[in-house]
Each structure stands twice: as structure tokens, then as C-alpha cells.
C-alpha atoms as a PDB file:
ATOM      1  CA  MET A   1      89.037 104.492  77.984  1.00  0.00           C
ATOM      2  CA  THR A   2      88.970 100.712  77.575  1.00  0.00           C
ATOM      3  CA  TYR A   3      91.996  98.491  78.109  1.00  0.00           C
ATOM      4  CA  SER A   4      92.655  94.912  77.170  1.00  0.00           C
ATOM      5  CA  LEU A   5      93.220  92.595  80.107  1.00  0.00           C
ATOM      6  CA  SER A   6      96.981  92.418  79.499  1.00  0.00           C
ATOM      7  CA  ALA A   7      97.216  96.230  79.205  1.00  0.00           C
ATOM      8  CA  TYR A   8      95.222  96.592  82.425  1.00  0.00           C
ATOM      9  CA  LYS A   9      97.509  94.132  84.205  1.00  0.00           C
ATOM     10  CA  GLN A  10     100.504  96.108  82.975  1.00  0.00           C
ATOM     11  CA  LEU A  11      98.992  99.328  84.370  1.00  0.00           C
ATOM     12  CA  ILE A  12      98.516  97.660  87.755  1.00  0.00           C
ATOM     13  CA  LEU A  13     102.065  96.303  87.692  1.00  0.00           C
ATOM     14  CA  ASN A  14     103.467  99.729  86.813  1.00  0.00           C
ATOM     15  CA  TYR A  15     101.433 101.387  89.555  1.00  0.00           C
ATOM     16  CA  PHE A  16     102.602  98.850  92.143  1.00  0.00           C
ATOM     17  CA  ASN A  17     106.256  99.090  91.112  1.00  0.00           C
ATOM     18  CA  ASN A  18     106.189 102.912  91.192  1.00  0.00           C
ATOM     19  CA  ARG A  19     104.291 103.398  94.448  1.00  0.00           C
ATOM     20  CA  PRO A  20     105.941 105.172  97.363  1.00  0.00           C
ATOM     21  CA  ASP A  21     107.589 103.105 100.080  1.00  0.00           C
ATOM     22  CA  CYS A  22     104.788 102.215 102.486  1.00  0.00           C
ATOM     23  CA  GLU A  23     106.878  99.961 104.672  1.00  0.00           C
ATOM     24  CA  ASN A  24     108.726 102.716 106.487  1.00  0.00           C
ATOM     25  CA  GLU A  25     108.924 103.040 110.270  1.00  0.00           C
ATOM     26  CA  PHE A  26     105.839 105.283 110.494  1.00  0.00           C
ATOM     27  CA  HIS A  27     103.632 102.694 108.797  1.00  0.00           C
ATOM     28  CA  LYS A  28     105.054  99.852 110.908  1.00  0.00           C
ATOM     29  CA  GLN A  29     104.311 101.806 114.096  1.00  0.00           C
ATOM     30  CA  ALA A  30     100.813 102.690 112.858  1.00  0.00           C
ATOM     31  CA  ALA A  31     100.077  99.025 112.097  1.00  0.00           C
ATOM     32  CA  THR A  32     101.287  97.981 115.539  1.00  0.00           C
ATOM     33  CA  ARG A  33      99.113 100.631 117.196  1.00  0.00           C
ATOM     34  CA  LEU A  34      96.104  99.536 115.129  1.00  0.00           C
ATOM     35  CA  VAL A  35      96.536  95.968 116.351  1.00  0.00           C
ATOM     36  CA  GLU A  36      96.945  97.138 119.956  1.00  0.00           C
ATOM     37  CA  LEU A  37      93.723  99.138 119.713  1.00  0.00           C
ATOM     38  CA  ALA A  38      91.884  96.091 118.358  1.00  0.00           C
ATOM     39  CA  LYS A  39      92.599  94.299 121.671  1.00  0.00           C
ATOM     40  CA  VAL A  40      92.665  90.850 120.132  1.00  0.00           C
ATOM     41  CA  ARG A  41      92.242  88.222 122.834  1.00  0.00           C
ATOM     42  CA  SER A  42      93.468  84.681 123.098  1.00  0.00           C
ATOM     43  CA  GLY A  43      91.451  82.362 120.871  1.00  0.00           C
ATOM     44  CA  GLN A  44      90.413  85.098 118.457  1.00  0.00           C
ATOM     45  CA  GLN A  45      91.588  85.113 114.871  1.00  0.00           C
ATOM     46  CA  VAL A  46      92.691  88.061 112.748  1.00  0.00           C
ATOM     47  CA  LEU A  47      91.970  88.459 109.058  1.00  0.00           C
ATOM     48  CA  ASP A  48      94.120  91.136 107.402  1.00  0.00           C
ATOM     49  CA  ILE A  49      92.080  92.197 104.373  1.00  0.00           C
ATOM     50  CA  ALA A  50      93.555  94.224 101.524  1.00  0.00           C
ATOM     51  CA  THR A  51      96.098  96.193 103.506  1.00  0.00           C
ATOM     52  CA  GLY A  52      98.640  95.704 100.766  1.00  0.00           C
ATOM     53  CA  THR A  53     101.831  95.416 102.777  1.00  0.00           C
ATOM     54  CA  GLY A  54     100.613  92.953 105.381  1.00  0.00           C
ATOM     55  CA  LEU A  55     102.050  95.139 108.128  1.00  0.00           C
ATOM     56  CA  ALA A  56      98.980  94.730 110.358  1.00  0.00           C
ATOM     57  CA  ALA A  57      99.181  90.932 110.102  1.00  0.00           C
ATOM     58  CA  ILE A  58     102.901  91.027 110.831  1.00  0.00           C
ATOM     59  CA  ALA A  59     102.304  93.286 113.849  1.00  0.00           C
ATOM     60  CA  GLU A  60      99.555  90.990 115.164  1.00  0.00           C
ATOM     61  CA  ASP A  61     101.809  87.968 114.820  1.00  0.00           C
ATOM     62  CA  ALA A  62     104.591  89.754 116.705  1.00  0.00           C
ATOM     63  CA  LEU A  63     102.244  90.852 119.505  1.00  0.00           C
ATOM     64  CA  ARG A  64     100.715  87.371 119.731  1.00  0.00           C
ATOM     65  CA  SER A  65     104.210  85.863 120.027  1.00  0.00           C
ATOM     66  CA  ASP A  66     105.081  88.338 122.800  1.00  0.00           C
ATOM     67  CA  ARG A  67     101.922  87.409 124.728  1.00  0.00           C
ATOM     68  CA  THR A  68     102.562  83.668 124.576  1.00  0.00           C
ATOM     69  CA  GLN A  69     106.197  83.729 125.676  1.00  0.00           C
END
């Protein structure tokens, strides 16, 4: 099946808008644990690639803020 670019974009938009809620408490806790397990040290940088919700980046930022206060 071949789609035009605009039809393909509409499929992606529909999929995104109809996806289940992935920002619930379980996923937030899992992202925080993932960052803890990574053991990021001072001076290191984190690149959050294609996680969709950005929860891992948000968790890293929160942990980094806790460490510097």
C-alpha cells in the first residue's frame, strides 16, 4: 500500500493522537530508575533519543538538580 506524503502524515498524526497514555506514574518511575541505573556523573551529558515522551530527559534533569543543590 502506497500513501501520499500528506496521507502518511495524517496516519502518523492519528496514531499519535490515539496512543495510550504513556505518561502515567509507572512510566515516570521507570524513566527515573533508568536514569539512576545509568549513573550519570558530573560533567557528563545525556542525549535522550527517540523516547517519545521525554520522560528520561525530565528524570535526568530532576536528578541533576537534586545533586547540585
